[in-house]
Structure formats: structure tokens, C-alpha cells
Protein backbone atom coordinates (compact mmCIF):
# COMPACT_ATOMS: atom_id res chain seq x y z
CA MET A 1 0.59 -102.70 -43.77
CA LEU A 2 0.30 -102.19 -47.49
CA VAL A 3 2.63 -104.16 -49.73
CA ASP A 4 2.44 -101.92 -52.78
CA ASP A 5 2.87 -98.27 -51.84
CA SER A 6 4.15 -97.11 -55.22
CA ALA A 7 1.15 -94.80 -55.68
CA GLU A 8 2.43 -92.72 -52.74
CA THR A 9 5.23 -91.23 -54.84
CA ASP A 10 3.38 -90.95 -58.16
CA LEU A 11 3.10 -87.45 -59.53
CA TRP A 12 -0.24 -85.67 -59.25
CA THR A 13 -1.14 -83.00 -61.76
CA LEU A 14 -4.04 -80.58 -61.58
CA TYR A 15 -6.46 -81.21 -64.45
CA GLY A 16 -9.17 -79.04 -65.92
CA ILE A 17 -7.72 -75.63 -65.06
CA SER A 18 -6.07 -73.46 -67.67
CA TYR A 19 -4.35 -70.18 -66.93
CA SER A 20 -4.55 -67.31 -69.38
CA ASP A 21 -0.81 -66.61 -69.27
CA GLY A 22 0.06 -70.22 -70.22
CA THR A 23 1.55 -71.21 -66.87
CA ALA A 24 0.65 -74.53 -65.31
CA TYR A 25 0.21 -75.75 -61.76
CA PRO A 26 3.38 -77.65 -60.85
CA SER A 27 3.12 -81.42 -60.40
CA THR A 28 3.51 -82.67 -56.86
CA GLN A 29 3.71 -85.99 -55.02
CA ALA A 30 0.31 -87.72 -54.92
CA TYR A 31 0.35 -89.15 -51.35
CA SER A 32 -2.44 -91.52 -52.44
CA ILE A 33 -1.74 -94.24 -49.88
CA SER A 34 -1.30 -91.96 -46.88
CA CYS A 35 -4.45 -90.02 -47.80
CA PHE A 36 -6.41 -93.28 -47.99
CA VAL A 37 -5.04 -94.54 -44.66
CA HIS A 38 -5.82 -91.25 -42.90
CA ALA A 39 -9.30 -91.10 -44.43
CA CYS A 40 -9.97 -94.58 -43.02
CA GLN A 41 -8.72 -93.57 -39.57
CA LEU A 42 -10.85 -90.42 -39.63
CA SER A 43 -13.93 -92.38 -40.70
CA VAL A 44 -13.53 -94.64 -37.63
CA ILE A 45 -13.47 -91.59 -35.33
CA LEU A 46 -16.46 -90.00 -37.10
CA ASN A 47 -18.38 -93.26 -36.93
CA GLN A 48 -17.85 -93.40 -33.16
CA ILE A 49 -19.08 -89.81 -32.82
CA ILE A 50 -22.21 -90.55 -34.84
CA ILE A 51 -22.94 -93.74 -32.92
CA HIS A 52 -22.48 -92.24 -29.46
CA ILE A 53 -23.95 -88.78 -29.94
CA TYR A 54 -26.67 -89.19 -32.55
CA ASP A 55 -28.05 -92.65 -31.78
CA PRO A 56 -31.66 -92.03 -30.66
CA TYR A 57 -31.83 -95.40 -28.86
CA GLN A 58 -28.78 -94.89 -26.67
CA GLN A 59 -29.46 -92.88 -23.55
CA ASN A 60 -26.18 -91.52 -22.17
CA THR A 61 -25.84 -89.62 -18.93
CA GLU A 62 -24.15 -86.24 -19.00
CA ALA A 63 -21.07 -87.71 -17.30
CA GLU A 64 -20.83 -90.50 -19.90
CA MET A 65 -21.17 -87.96 -22.69
CA GLU A 66 -18.42 -85.75 -21.23
CA GLN A 67 -16.11 -88.75 -20.87
CA TYR A 68 -16.85 -89.83 -24.40
CA LEU A 69 -16.24 -86.34 -25.81
CA LYS A 70 -12.87 -86.16 -24.02
CA GLN A 71 -11.93 -89.54 -25.46
CA GLU A 72 -12.86 -88.63 -29.04
CA SER A 73 -11.30 -85.17 -28.72
CA GLN A 74 -8.04 -86.86 -27.80
CA ALA A 75 -8.43 -89.27 -30.73
CA LEU A 76 -8.77 -86.29 -33.08
CA ILE A 77 -5.76 -84.57 -31.53
CA ASP A 78 -3.67 -87.74 -31.85
CA PHE A 79 -4.84 -88.18 -35.42
């Protein structure tokens, strides 16, 4: 749980883009905290995939790999 979530509702503005007709991209809510939290959760799932599938020292059977893929697929769906 984060104590200070004030950055979640800060306004985010697109920088570095100028339109020829003088219009501007409208500001929107930043969602900084929720983006950070979800990026952390996704990195845990991706780390598990890398460890279990791409580790050259771990020899998984086909059944173990199928079970693992089902588990991580569900984790991504629940994400």
C-alpha cells in the first residue's frame, strides 16, 4: 500500500509535439502510481517466464512446461 498516491491524479501533458493549426493535445490524468504498480506486477510474471523457459540449466519435462505455461497464462489473464 502506498501512502502518498497524489501523483495518480496529477495532470499529464504531452510535450515536444506541436501541431501546425495551433491545437494542443488535451491534458489527462497521469495514473503514475497505478502504472508503476502494474509494471511491477508484469515484471514479476515476465521474470518467471524467463526463469522457467529460458534457463539453460533447468531441464523441464514437457508436462511440467505445459503446466507452467497454463499457470503463467492465467497470471497474465488475471493481470
